[in-house]
Structure formats: C-alpha cells, structure tokens
C-alpha cells in the first residue's frame, strides 16, 4: 500500500471498529513505523479500545498516518 493510501484509509474511518480494521490494513508485517520507533498494529488496536473504555492517555496511539488525530475525532463525534 502506498503512503498516501495509508493516510486516506485512516482518515476515511467513521467508527472505532473501522479504525481498528484500518490500522491492521495499513500495517506491514504487523508493524506501523512511527517517526522514532515501530509500533505493533495489534497493540494499536488494543489502544483504541483502552482509550474508549478506560480513558487511557492518547499517547498509546502513534501519530503516524493521522491515527491519533482520527481517534480524537471519533471520541467526540462517534
């Protein structure tokens, strides 16, 4: 998947379930590369649920491809 397609996929989600699927879709070999380190896609999916259910801090999600930004959007508009 091209980089722009990863951005488009994340930014098109309309629910937390779709965000979790999108995270897995854009991962390469189960990893999403951040600016300073790799992030495990499975842990990112767990992070989405943790933020919604337990009010975890937003920094459990990577900012890569707008994942954290989209999570913030979903928290307020889903």
PDB file of N, CA and C in Angstrom:
ATOM      1  N   UNK A   1       0.849  -1.171   0.000  1.00  0.00           N
ATOM      2  CA  UNK A   1       0.000   0.000   0.000  1.00  0.00           C
ATOM      3  C   UNK A   1       0.902   1.244   0.000  1.00  0.00           C
ATOM      4  N   UNK A   2       0.581   2.188  -0.867  1.00  0.00           N
ATOM      5  CA  UNK A   2       1.334   3.438  -0.943  1.00  0.00           C
ATOM      6  C   UNK A   2       1.078   4.287   0.309  1.00  0.00           C
ATOM      7  N   UNK A   3       2.018   5.162   0.628  1.00  0.00           N
ATOM      8  CA  UNK A   3       1.892   6.012   1.817  1.00  0.00           C
ATOM      9  C   UNK A   3       0.612   6.846   1.780  1.00  0.00           C
ATOM     10  N   UNK A   4       0.311   7.451   0.644  1.00  0.00           N
ATOM     11  CA  UNK A   4      -0.887   8.294   0.550  1.00  0.00           C
ATOM     12  C   UNK A   4      -2.150   7.476   0.779  1.00  0.00           C
ATOM     13  N   UNK A   5      -2.140   6.227   0.338  1.00  0.00           N
ATOM     14  CA  UNK A   5      -3.295   5.353   0.538  1.00  0.00           C
ATOM     15  C   UNK A   5      -3.496   5.026   2.016  1.00  0.00           C
ATOM     16  N   UNK A   6      -2.407   4.921   2.757  1.00  0.00           N
ATOM     17  CA  UNK A   6      -2.497   4.678   4.198  1.00  0.00           C
ATOM     18  C   UNK A   6      -3.153   5.870   4.890  1.00  0.00           C
ATOM     19  N   UNK A   7      -2.727   7.078   4.514  1.00  0.00           N
ATOM     20  CA  UNK A   7      -3.328   8.294   5.068  1.00  0.00           C
ATOM     21  C   UNK A   7      -4.820   8.348   4.746  1.00  0.00           C
ATOM     22  N   UNK A   8      -5.156   8.082   3.497  1.00  0.00           N
ATOM     23  CA  UNK A   8      -6.556   8.119   3.071  1.00  0.00           C
ATOM     24  C   UNK A   8      -7.386   7.082   3.820  1.00  0.00           C
ATOM     25  N   UNK A   9      -6.846   5.901   4.008  1.00  0.00           N
ATOM     26  CA  UNK A   9      -7.578   4.831   4.693  1.00  0.00           C
ATOM     27  C   UNK A   9      -7.898   5.228   6.130  1.00  0.00           C
ATOM     28  N   UNK A  10      -6.912   5.747   6.842  1.00  0.00           N
ATOM     29  CA  UNK A  10      -7.138   6.156   8.232  1.00  0.00           C
ATOM     30  C   UNK A  10      -8.117   7.320   8.310  1.00  0.00           C
ATOM     31  N   UNK A  11      -7.934   8.297   7.458  1.00  0.00           N
ATOM     32  CA  UNK A  11      -8.769   9.496   7.535  1.00  0.00           C
ATOM     33  C   UNK A  11     -10.187   9.298   7.025  1.00  0.00           C
ATOM     34  N   UNK A  12     -10.490   8.154   6.452  1.00  0.00           N
ATOM     35  CA  UNK A  12     -11.847   7.901   5.958  1.00  0.00           C
ATOM     36  C   UNK A  12     -12.713   7.146   6.960  1.00  0.00           C
ATOM     37  N   UNK A  13     -12.152   6.719   8.087  1.00  0.00           N
ATOM     38  CA  UNK A  13     -12.927   5.900   9.027  1.00  0.00           C
ATOM     39  C   UNK A  13     -13.998   6.735   9.725  1.00  0.00           C
ATOM     40  N   UNK A  14     -15.100   6.061  10.050  1.00  0.00           N
ATOM     41  CA  UNK A  14     -16.225   6.727  10.702  1.00  0.00           C
ATOM     42  C   UNK A  14     -16.619   6.085  12.033  1.00  0.00           C
ATOM     43  N   UNK A  15     -15.864   5.051  12.451  1.00  0.00           N
ATOM     44  CA  UNK A  15     -16.168   4.391  13.725  1.00  0.00           C
ATOM     45  C   UNK A  15     -14.878   3.810  14.296  1.00  0.00           C
ATOM     46  N   UNK A  16     -14.905   3.495  15.584  1.00  0.00           N
ATOM     47  CA  UNK A  16     -13.715   2.900  16.192  1.00  0.00           C
ATOM     48  C   UNK A  16     -13.453   1.510  15.626  1.00  0.00           C
ATOM     49  N   UNK A  17     -14.517   0.783  15.291  1.00  0.00           N
ATOM     50  CA  UNK A  17     -14.328  -0.546  14.689  1.00  0.00           C
ATOM     51  C   UNK A  17     -13.618  -0.423  13.345  1.00  0.00           C
ATOM     52  N   UNK A  18     -14.009   0.558  12.571  1.00  0.00           N
ATOM     53  CA  UNK A  18     -13.367   0.772  11.274  1.00  0.00           C
ATOM     54  C   UNK A  18     -11.929   1.248  11.458  1.00  0.00           C
ATOM     55  N   UNK A  19     -11.667   2.049  12.490  1.00  0.00           N
ATOM     56  CA  UNK A  19     -10.298   2.496  12.760  1.00  0.00           C
ATOM     57  C   UNK A  19      -9.414   1.299  13.087  1.00  0.00           C
ATOM     58  N   UNK A  20      -9.915   0.383  13.901  1.00  0.00           N
ATOM     59  CA  UNK A  20      -9.122  -0.793  14.249  1.00  0.00           C
ATOM     60  C   UNK A  20      -8.817  -1.636  13.008  1.00  0.00           C
ATOM     61  N   UNK A  21      -9.789  -1.788  12.138  1.00  0.00           N
ATOM     62  CA  UNK A  21      -9.571  -2.538  10.901  1.00  0.00           C
ATOM     63  C   UNK A  21      -8.572  -1.807  10.004  1.00  0.00           C
ATOM     64  N   UNK A  22      -8.700  -0.488   9.930  1.00  0.00           N
ATOM     65  CA  UNK A  22      -7.794   0.309   9.100  1.00  0.00           C
ATOM     66  C   UNK A  22      -6.354   0.211   9.603  1.00  0.00           C
ATOM     67  N   UNK A  23      -6.172   0.209  10.909  1.00  0.00           N
ATOM     68  CA  UNK A  23      -4.827   0.072  11.482  1.00  0.00           C
ATOM     69  C   UNK A  23      -4.208  -1.241  11.025  1.00  0.00           C
ATOM     70  N   UNK A  24      -4.979  -2.300  11.099  1.00  0.00           N
ATOM     71  CA  UNK A  24      -4.469  -3.605  10.655  1.00  0.00           C
ATOM     72  C   UNK A  24      -4.232  -3.626   9.151  1.00  0.00           C
ATOM     73  N   UNK A  25      -5.077  -2.925   8.392  1.00  0.00           N
ATOM     74  CA  UNK A  25      -4.933  -2.874   6.937  1.00  0.00           C
ATOM     75  C   UNK A  25      -3.640  -2.188   6.503  1.00  0.00           C
ATOM     76  N   UNK A  26      -3.261  -1.130   7.201  1.00  0.00           N
ATOM     77  CA  UNK A  26      -2.084  -0.364   6.758  1.00  0.00           C
ATOM     78  C   UNK A  26      -0.769  -0.911   7.293  1.00  0.00           C
ATOM     79  N   UNK A  27      -0.851  -1.791   8.291  1.00  0.00           N
ATOM     80  CA  UNK A  27       0.369  -2.348   8.884  1.00  0.00           C
ATOM     81  C   UNK A  27       1.096  -3.239   7.883  1.00  0.00           C
ATOM     82  N   UNK A  28       2.395  -3.188   7.942  1.00  0.00           N
ATOM     83  CA  UNK A  28       3.229  -4.062   7.122  1.00  0.00           C
ATOM     84  C   UNK A  28       3.914  -5.050   8.050  1.00  0.00           C
ATOM     85  N   UNK A  29       3.589  -6.317   7.881  1.00  0.00           N
ATOM     86  CA  UNK A  29       4.086  -7.372   8.771  1.00  0.00           C
ATOM     87  C   UNK A  29       3.751  -7.096  10.226  1.00  0.00           C
ATOM     88  N   UNK A  30       2.559  -6.504  10.454  1.00  0.00           N
ATOM     89  CA  UNK A  30       2.099  -6.245  11.809  1.00  0.00           C
ATOM     90  C   UNK A  30       2.714  -5.030  12.473  1.00  0.00           C
ATOM     91  N   UNK A  31       3.442  -4.206  11.693  1.00  0.00           N
ATOM     92  CA  UNK A  31       4.147  -3.050  12.250  1.00  0.00           C
ATOM     93  C   UNK A  31       3.745  -1.776  11.512  1.00  0.00           C
ATOM     94  N   UNK A  32       3.589  -0.704  12.282  1.00  0.00           N
ATOM     95  CA  UNK A  32       3.402   0.635  11.728  1.00  0.00           C
ATOM     96  C   UNK A  32       4.615   1.446  12.165  1.00  0.00           C
ATOM     97  N   UNK A  33       5.338   1.976  11.209  1.00  0.00           N
ATOM     98  CA  UNK A  33       6.530   2.752  11.544  1.00  0.00           C
ATOM     99  C   UNK A  33       6.148   4.159  12.001  1.00  0.00           C
ATOM    100  N   UNK A  34       6.619   4.514  13.185  1.00  0.00           N
ATOM    101  CA  UNK A  34       6.468   5.866  13.685  1.00  0.00           C
ATOM    102  C   UNK A  34       7.701   6.666  13.322  1.00  0.00           C
ATOM    103  N   UNK A  35       7.757   7.904  13.777  1.00  0.00           N
ATOM    104  CA  UNK A  35       8.932   8.732  13.482  1.00  0.00           C
ATOM    105  C   UNK A  35      10.177   8.236  14.187  1.00  0.00           C
ATOM    106  N   UNK A  36      10.012   7.730  15.401  1.00  0.00           N
ATOM    107  CA  UNK A  36      11.194   7.320  16.159  1.00  0.00           C
ATOM    108  C   UNK A  36      11.266   5.826  16.463  1.00  0.00           C
ATOM    109  N   UNK A  37      10.135   5.118  16.291  1.00  0.00           N
ATOM    110  CA  UNK A  37      10.163   3.691  16.600  1.00  0.00           C
ATOM    111  C   UNK A  37       8.998   2.983  15.927  1.00  0.00           C
ATOM    112  N   UNK A  38       9.086   1.667  15.810  1.00  0.00           N
ATOM    113  CA  UNK A  38       7.970   0.896  15.248  1.00  0.00           C
ATOM    114  C   UNK A  38       6.890   0.653  16.306  1.00  0.00           C
ATOM    115  N   UNK A  39       5.664   0.574  15.856  1.00  0.00           N
ATOM    116  CA  UNK A  39       4.525   0.309  16.724  1.00  0.00           C
ATOM    117  C   UNK A  39       3.859  -0.981  16.252  1.00  0.00           C
ATOM    118  N   UNK A  40       3.509  -1.857  17.163  1.00  0.00           N
ATOM    119  CA  UNK A  40       2.807  -3.084  16.814  1.00  0.00           C
ATOM    120  C   UNK A  40       1.347  -2.752  16.530  1.00  0.00           C
ATOM    121  N   UNK A  41       0.865  -3.168  15.379  1.00  0.00           N
ATOM    122  CA  UNK A  41      -0.514  -2.873  14.986  1.00  0.00           C
ATOM    123  C   UNK A  41      -1.507  -3.465  15.985  1.00  0.00           C
ATOM    124  N   UNK A  42      -1.257  -4.676  16.457  1.00  0.00           N
ATOM    125  CA  UNK A  42      -2.170  -5.311  17.412  1.00  0.00           C
ATOM    126  C   UNK A  42      -2.276  -4.490  18.697  1.00  0.00           C
ATOM    127  N   UNK A  43      -1.175  -3.917  19.139  1.00  0.00           N
ATOM    128  CA  UNK A  43      -1.189  -3.070  20.346  1.00  0.00           C
ATOM    129  C   UNK A  43      -1.937  -1.770  20.083  1.00  0.00           C
ATOM    130  N   UNK A  44      -1.848  -1.262  18.845  1.00  0.00           N
ATOM    131  CA  UNK A  44      -2.576  -0.053  18.490  1.00  0.00           C
ATOM    132  C   UNK A  44      -4.076  -0.304  18.531  1.00  0.00           C
ATOM    133  N   UNK A  45      -4.489  -1.472  18.049  1.00  0.00           N
ATOM    134  CA  UNK A  45      -5.906  -1.845  18.094  1.00  0.00           C
ATOM    135  C   UNK A  45      -6.377  -1.936  19.543  1.00  0.00           C
ATOM    136  N   UNK A  46      -5.577  -2.542  20.399  1.00  0.00           N
ATOM    137  CA  UNK A  46      -5.911  -2.609  21.830  1.00  0.00           C
ATOM    138  C   UNK A  46      -5.988  -1.200  22.417  1.00  0.00           C
ATOM    139  N   UNK A  47      -5.117  -0.324  21.954  1.00  0.00           N
ATOM    140  CA  UNK A  47      -5.104   1.058  22.439  1.00  0.00           C
ATOM    141  C   UNK A  47      -6.394   1.803  22.124  1.00  0.00           C
ATOM    142  N   UNK A  48      -6.966   1.550  20.965  1.00  0.00           N
ATOM    143  CA  UNK A  48      -8.237   2.181  20.595  1.00  0.00           C
ATOM    144  C   UNK A  48      -9.308   1.819  21.620  1.00  0.00           C
ATOM    145  N   UNK A  49      -9.417   0.538  21.938  1.00  0.00           N
ATOM    146  CA  UNK A  49     -10.407   0.105  22.938  1.00  0.00           C
ATOM    147  C   UNK A  49     -10.091   0.665  24.324  1.00  0.00           C
ATOM    148  N   UNK A  50      -8.828   0.664  24.688  1.00  0.00           N
ATOM    149  CA  UNK A  50      -8.427   1.156  26.008  1.00  0.00           C
ATOM    150  C   UNK A  50      -8.758   2.635  26.171  1.00  0.00           C
ATOM    151  N   UNK A  51      -8.535   3.406  25.139  1.00  0.00           N
ATOM    152  CA  UNK A  51      -8.839   4.839  25.212  1.00  0.00           C
ATOM    153  C   UNK A  51     -10.345   5.046  25.360  1.00  0.00           C
ATOM    154  N   UNK A  52     -11.127   4.315  24.581  1.00  0.00           N
ATOM    155  CA  UNK A  52     -12.583   4.490  24.633  1.00  0.00           C
ATOM    156  C   UNK A  52     -13.187   3.979  25.946  1.00  0.00           C
ATOM    157  N   UNK A  53     -12.668   2.887  26.472  1.00  0.00           N
ATOM    158  CA  UNK A  53     -13.274   2.263  27.651  1.00  0.00           C
ATOM    159  C   UNK A  53     -12.705   2.745  28.973  1.00  0.00           C
ATOM    160  N   UNK A  54     -11.416   3.003  29.019  1.00  0.00           N
ATOM    161  CA  UNK A  54     -10.766   3.254  30.301  1.00  0.00           C
ATOM    162  C   UNK A  54     -10.129   4.628  30.392  1.00  0.00           C
ATOM    163  N   UNK A  55     -10.375   5.446  29.412  1.00  0.00           N
ATOM    164  CA  UNK A  55      -9.844   6.800  29.416  1.00  0.00           C
ATOM    165  C   UNK A  55      -8.311   6.814  29.512  1.00  0.00           C
ATOM    166  N   UNK A  56      -7.674   5.941  28.740  1.00  0.00           N
ATOM    167  CA  UNK A  56      -6.210   5.909  28.670  1.00  0.00           C
ATOM    168  C   UNK A  56      -5.704   7.165  27.984  1.00  0.00           C
ATOM    169  N   UNK A  57      -4.448   7.536  28.207  1.00  0.00           N
ATOM    170  CA  UNK A  57      -3.908   8.711  27.519  1.00  0.00           C
ATOM    171  C   UNK A  57      -3.787   8.455  26.018  1.00  0.00           C
ATOM    172  N   UNK A  58      -3.935   9.490  25.260  1.00  0.00           N
ATOM    173  CA  UNK A  58      -3.921   9.393  23.806  1.00  0.00           C
ATOM    174  C   UNK A  58      -2.572   8.925  23.259  1.00  0.00           C
ATOM    175  N   UNK A  59      -1.510   9.096  24.030  1.00  0.00           N
ATOM    176  CA  UNK A  59      -0.188   8.751  23.501  1.00  0.00           C
ATOM    177  C   UNK A  59       0.089   7.245  23.444  1.00  0.00           C
ATOM    178  N   UNK A  60      -0.918   6.418  23.724  1.00  0.00           N
ATOM    179  CA  UNK A  60      -0.746   4.983  23.479  1.00  0.00           C
ATOM    180  C   UNK A  60      -0.901   4.680  21.991  1.00  0.00           C
ATOM    181  N   UNK A  61      -1.386   5.668  21.234  1.00  0.00           N
ATOM    182  CA  UNK A  61      -1.501   5.535  19.779  1.00  0.00           C
ATOM    183  C   UNK A  61      -0.428   6.360  19.093  1.00  0.00           C
ATOM    184  N   UNK A  62       0.044   5.874  17.967  1.00  0.00           N
ATOM    185  CA  UNK A  62       1.006   6.613  17.170  1.00  0.00           C
ATOM    186  C   UNK A  62       0.320   7.758  16.426  1.00  0.00           C
ATOM    187  N   UNK A  63       1.077   8.782  16.114  1.00  0.00           N
ATOM    188  CA  UNK A  63       0.555   9.875  15.301  1.00  0.00           C
ATOM    189  C   UNK A  63       0.673   9.557  13.814  1.00  0.00           C
ATOM    190  N   UNK A  64       1.401   8.502  13.482  1.00  0.00           N
ATOM    191  CA  UNK A  64       1.618   8.137  12.088  1.00  0.00           C
ATOM    192  C   UNK A  64       0.297   7.979  11.349  1.00  0.00           C
ATOM    193  N   UNK A  65       0.258   8.505  10.146  1.00  0.00           N
ATOM    194  CA  UNK A  65      -0.900   8.416   9.241  1.00  0.00           C
ATOM    195  C   UNK A  65      -2.165   9.044   9.813  1.00  0.00           C
ATOM    196  N   UNK A  66      -2.031   9.848  10.859  1.00  0.00           N
ATOM    197  CA  UNK A  66      -3.182  10.516  11.450  1.00  0.00           C
ATOM    198  C   UNK A  66      -4.014   9.631  12.361  1.00  0.00           C
ATOM    199  N   UNK A  67      -3.420   8.530  12.842  1.00  0.00           N
ATOM    200  CA  UNK A  67      -4.178   7.597  13.693  1.00  0.00           C
ATOM    201  C   UNK A  67      -4.659   8.289  14.970  1.00  0.00           C
ATOM    202  N   UNK A  68      -3.769   8.970  15.641  1.00  0.00           N
ATOM    203  CA  UNK A  68      -4.154   9.637  16.900  1.00  0.00           C
ATOM    204  C   UNK A  68      -5.185  10.738  16.629  1.00  0.00           C
ATOM    205  N   UNK A  69      -4.991  11.480  15.579  1.00  0.00           N
ATOM    206  CA  UNK A  69      -5.921  12.546  15.211  1.00  0.00           C
ATOM    207  C   UNK A  69      -7.313  11.986  14.927  1.00  0.00           C
ATOM    208  N   UNK A  70      -7.369  10.884  14.212  1.00  0.00           N
ATOM    209  CA  UNK A  70      -8.657  10.281  13.890  1.00  0.00           C
ATOM    210  C   UNK A  70      -9.324   9.737  15.146  1.00  0.00           C
ATOM    211  N   UNK A  71      -8.546   9.233  16.081  1.00  0.00           N
ATOM    212  CA  UNK A  71      -9.095   8.741  17.351  1.00  0.00           C
ATOM    213  C   UNK A  71      -9.744   9.888  18.119  1.00  0.00           C
ATOM    214  N   UNK A  72      -9.081  11.029  18.137  1.00  0.00           N
ATOM    215  CA  UNK A  72      -9.648  12.200  18.817  1.00  0.00           C
ATOM    216  C   UNK A  72     -10.977  12.584  18.171  1.00  0.00           C
ATOM    217  N   UNK A  73     -11.005  12.595  16.853  1.00  0.00           N
ATOM    218  CA  UNK A  73     -12.239  12.897  16.129  1.00  0.00           C
ATOM    219  C   UNK A  73     -13.360  11.932  16.536  1.00  0.00           C
ATOM    220  N   UNK A  74     -13.039  10.645  16.556  1.00  0.00           N
ATOM    221  CA  UNK A  74     -14.054   9.642  16.880  1.00  0.00           C
ATOM    222  C   UNK A  74     -14.541   9.754  18.323  1.00  0.00           C
ATOM    223  N   UNK A  75     -13.673  10.133  19.226  1.00  0.00           N
ATOM    224  CA  UNK A  75     -14.051  10.277  20.629  1.00  0.00           C
ATOM    225  C   UNK A  75     -15.171  11.316  20.792  1.00  0.00           C
ATOM    226  N   UNK A  76     -15.127  12.327  19.966  1.00  0.00           N
ATOM    227  CA  UNK A  76     -16.101  13.418  20.113  1.00  0.00           C
ATOM    228  C   UNK A  76     -17.298  13.306  19.180  1.00  0.00           C
ATOM    229  N   UNK A  77     -17.145  12.566  18.071  1.00  0.00           N
ATOM    230  CA  UNK A  77     -18.226  12.560  17.088  1.00  0.00           C
ATOM    231  C   UNK A  77     -18.820  11.195  16.803  1.00  0.00           C
ATOM    232  N   UNK A  78     -18.286  10.145  17.385  1.00  0.00           N
ATOM    233  CA  UNK A  78     -18.866   8.829  17.146  1.00  0.00           C
ATOM    234  C   UNK A  78     -20.068   8.635  18.057  1.00  0.00           C
TER     235      UNK A  78
END
